[in-house]
Amino acid sequence: MKHARPDYDRIQDPLGKIPEDEPVFLLRAQDAVAPGLVEAWAIAAHAAGAQDDIVQHAYEHAQLMRKWQAGHGSKIPDMPN
């Protein structure tokens, strides 16, 4: 799998479900904009016809990210040099 950031290449797919050439974008809870983006994804997924449980799971995950941020802080997205 191809990550948007080379420093995330260490994140693996041990079951090989993601093709080597498939781009993957990872959002971390420390990213200040991540919860809102996950909610935007949920809205778009719902509009595209995604199952309700998938959409609900995304909303719940966004809330978990916000809870994590409340306890640990967040930061503006950056890239390593």
C-alpha atoms as a PDB file:
ATOM      1  CA  MET A   1       0.000   0.000   0.000  1.00  0.00           C
ATOM      2  CA  LYS A   2       1.200   3.485  -0.766  1.00  0.00           C
ATOM      3  CA  HIS A   3       0.941   5.970   2.084  1.00  0.00           C
ATOM      4  CA  ALA A   4       0.641   9.703   1.508  1.00  0.00           C
ATOM      5  CA  ARG A   5       3.621  10.146   3.871  1.00  0.00           C
ATOM      6  CA  PRO A   6       6.801   8.086   3.504  1.00  0.00           C
ATOM      7  CA  ASP A   7       7.319   8.076   7.289  1.00  0.00           C
ATOM      8  CA  TYR A   8       4.130   5.986   7.575  1.00  0.00           C
ATOM      9  CA  ASP A   9       5.499   3.233   5.308  1.00  0.00           C
ATOM     10  CA  ARG A  10       6.165   1.187   8.442  1.00  0.00           C
ATOM     11  CA  ILE A  11       2.393   0.732   8.809  1.00  0.00           C
ATOM     12  CA  GLN A  12       1.760  -2.655   7.290  1.00  0.00           C
ATOM     13  CA  ASP A  13      -1.109  -4.737   5.964  1.00  0.00           C
ATOM     14  CA  PRO A  14      -0.174  -8.192   7.319  1.00  0.00           C
ATOM     15  CA  LEU A  15      -3.092  -9.951   5.599  1.00  0.00           C
ATOM     16  CA  GLY A  16      -2.243  -8.401   2.234  1.00  0.00           C
ATOM     17  CA  LYS A  17      -5.777  -7.099   1.643  1.00  0.00           C
ATOM     18  CA  ILE A  18      -4.571  -3.760   0.240  1.00  0.00           C
ATOM     19  CA  PRO A  19      -2.747  -4.003  -3.096  1.00  0.00           C
ATOM     20  CA  GLU A  20       0.853  -2.767  -3.094  1.00  0.00           C
ATOM     21  CA  ASP A  21       0.031   0.036  -5.544  1.00  0.00           C
ATOM     22  CA  GLU A  22      -3.196   1.218  -3.835  1.00  0.00           C
ATOM     23  CA  PRO A  23      -2.879   4.689  -2.274  1.00  0.00           C
ATOM     24  CA  VAL A  24      -3.861   4.888   1.403  1.00  0.00           C
ATOM     25  CA  PHE A  25      -4.462   8.073   3.419  1.00  0.00           C
ATOM     26  CA  LEU A  26      -4.173   7.791   7.179  1.00  0.00           C
ATOM     27  CA  LEU A  27      -5.779  10.275   9.577  1.00  0.00           C
ATOM     28  CA  ARG A  28      -4.532  10.335  13.156  1.00  0.00           C
ATOM     29  CA  ALA A  29      -6.441  11.610  16.171  1.00  0.00           C
ATOM     30  CA  GLN A  30      -3.648  14.106  16.859  1.00  0.00           C
ATOM     31  CA  ASP A  31      -4.519  15.822  13.556  1.00  0.00           C
ATOM     32  CA  ALA A  32      -6.727  18.792  14.465  1.00  0.00           C
ATOM     33  CA  VAL A  33      -8.850  18.431  11.323  1.00  0.00           C
ATOM     34  CA  ALA A  34      -9.240  14.628  11.356  1.00  0.00           C
ATOM     35  CA  PRO A  35     -12.555  14.323  13.260  1.00  0.00           C
ATOM     36  CA  GLY A  36     -14.308  16.742  10.918  1.00  0.00           C
ATOM     37  CA  LEU A  37     -12.912  14.939   7.888  1.00  0.00           C
ATOM     38  CA  VAL A  38     -14.126  11.590   9.177  1.00  0.00           C
ATOM     39  CA  GLU A  39     -17.589  13.098   9.649  1.00  0.00           C
ATOM     40  CA  ALA A  40     -17.467  14.558   6.122  1.00  0.00           C
ATOM     41  CA  TRP A  41     -16.548  11.092   4.853  1.00  0.00           C
ATOM     42  CA  ALA A  42     -19.547   9.651   6.731  1.00  0.00           C
ATOM     43  CA  ILE A  43     -21.867  12.180   5.095  1.00  0.00           C
ATOM     44  CA  ALA A  44     -20.468  11.408   1.643  1.00  0.00           C
ATOM     45  CA  ALA A  45     -20.607   7.660   2.259  1.00  0.00           C
ATOM     46  CA  HIS A  46     -24.234   7.924   3.372  1.00  0.00           C
ATOM     47  CA  ALA A  47     -25.103   9.948   0.265  1.00  0.00           C
ATOM     48  CA  ALA A  48     -23.408   7.296  -1.884  1.00  0.00           C
ATOM     49  CA  GLY A  49     -25.539   4.574  -0.311  1.00  0.00           C
ATOM     50  CA  ALA A  50     -23.201   3.096   2.310  1.00  0.00           C
ATOM     51  CA  GLN A  51     -24.810   0.892   4.916  1.00  0.00           C
ATOM     52  CA  ASP A  52     -26.003   2.694   8.036  1.00  0.00           C
ATOM     53  CA  ASP A  53     -23.709   0.717  10.342  1.00  0.00           C
ATOM     54  CA  ILE A  54     -20.614   1.823   8.400  1.00  0.00           C
ATOM     55  CA  VAL A  55     -21.729   5.456   8.541  1.00  0.00           C
ATOM     56  CA  GLN A  56     -22.503   5.174  12.255  1.00  0.00           C
ATOM     57  CA  HIS A  57     -19.112   3.606  12.922  1.00  0.00           C
ATOM     58  CA  ALA A  58     -17.410   6.553  11.196  1.00  0.00           C
ATOM     59  CA  TYR A  59     -19.340   9.058  13.329  1.00  0.00           C
ATOM     60  CA  GLU A  60     -18.407   7.126  16.466  1.00  0.00           C
ATOM     61  CA  HIS A  61     -14.764   7.083  15.401  1.00  0.00           C
ATOM     62  CA  ALA A  62     -14.824  10.858  14.904  1.00  0.00           C
ATOM     63  CA  GLN A  63     -16.137  11.197  18.471  1.00  0.00           C
ATOM     64  CA  LEU A  64     -13.348   8.941  19.745  1.00  0.00           C
ATOM     65  CA  MET A  65     -10.854  11.195  17.976  1.00  0.00           C
ATOM     66  CA  ARG A  66     -12.349  14.269  19.635  1.00  0.00           C
ATOM     67  CA  LYS A  67     -12.217  12.569  23.031  1.00  0.00           C
ATOM     68  CA  TRP A  68      -8.570  11.658  22.440  1.00  0.00           C
ATOM     69  CA  GLN A  69      -7.799  15.252  21.435  1.00  0.00           C
ATOM     70  CA  ALA A  70      -9.428  16.549  24.630  1.00  0.00           C
ATOM     71  CA  GLY A  71      -7.052  14.453  26.700  1.00  0.00           C
ATOM     72  CA  HIS A  72      -3.913  14.676  24.579  1.00  0.00           C
ATOM     73  CA  GLY A  73      -4.212  17.795  22.453  1.00  0.00           C
ATOM     74  CA  SER A  74      -4.039  18.131  18.702  1.00  0.00           C
ATOM     75  CA  LYS A  75      -1.901  19.851  16.120  1.00  0.00           C
ATOM     76  CA  ILE A  76      -2.100  21.259  12.637  1.00  0.00           C
ATOM     77  CA  PRO A  77      -1.105  18.682  10.006  1.00  0.00           C
ATOM     78  CA  ASP A  78       2.561  18.711   9.048  1.00  0.00           C
ATOM     79  CA  MET A  79       5.111  16.751   7.022  1.00  0.00           C
ATOM     80  CA  PRO A  80       8.563  15.631   8.067  1.00  0.00           C
ATOM     81  CA  ASN A  81      11.524  17.291   6.382  1.00  0.00           C
END
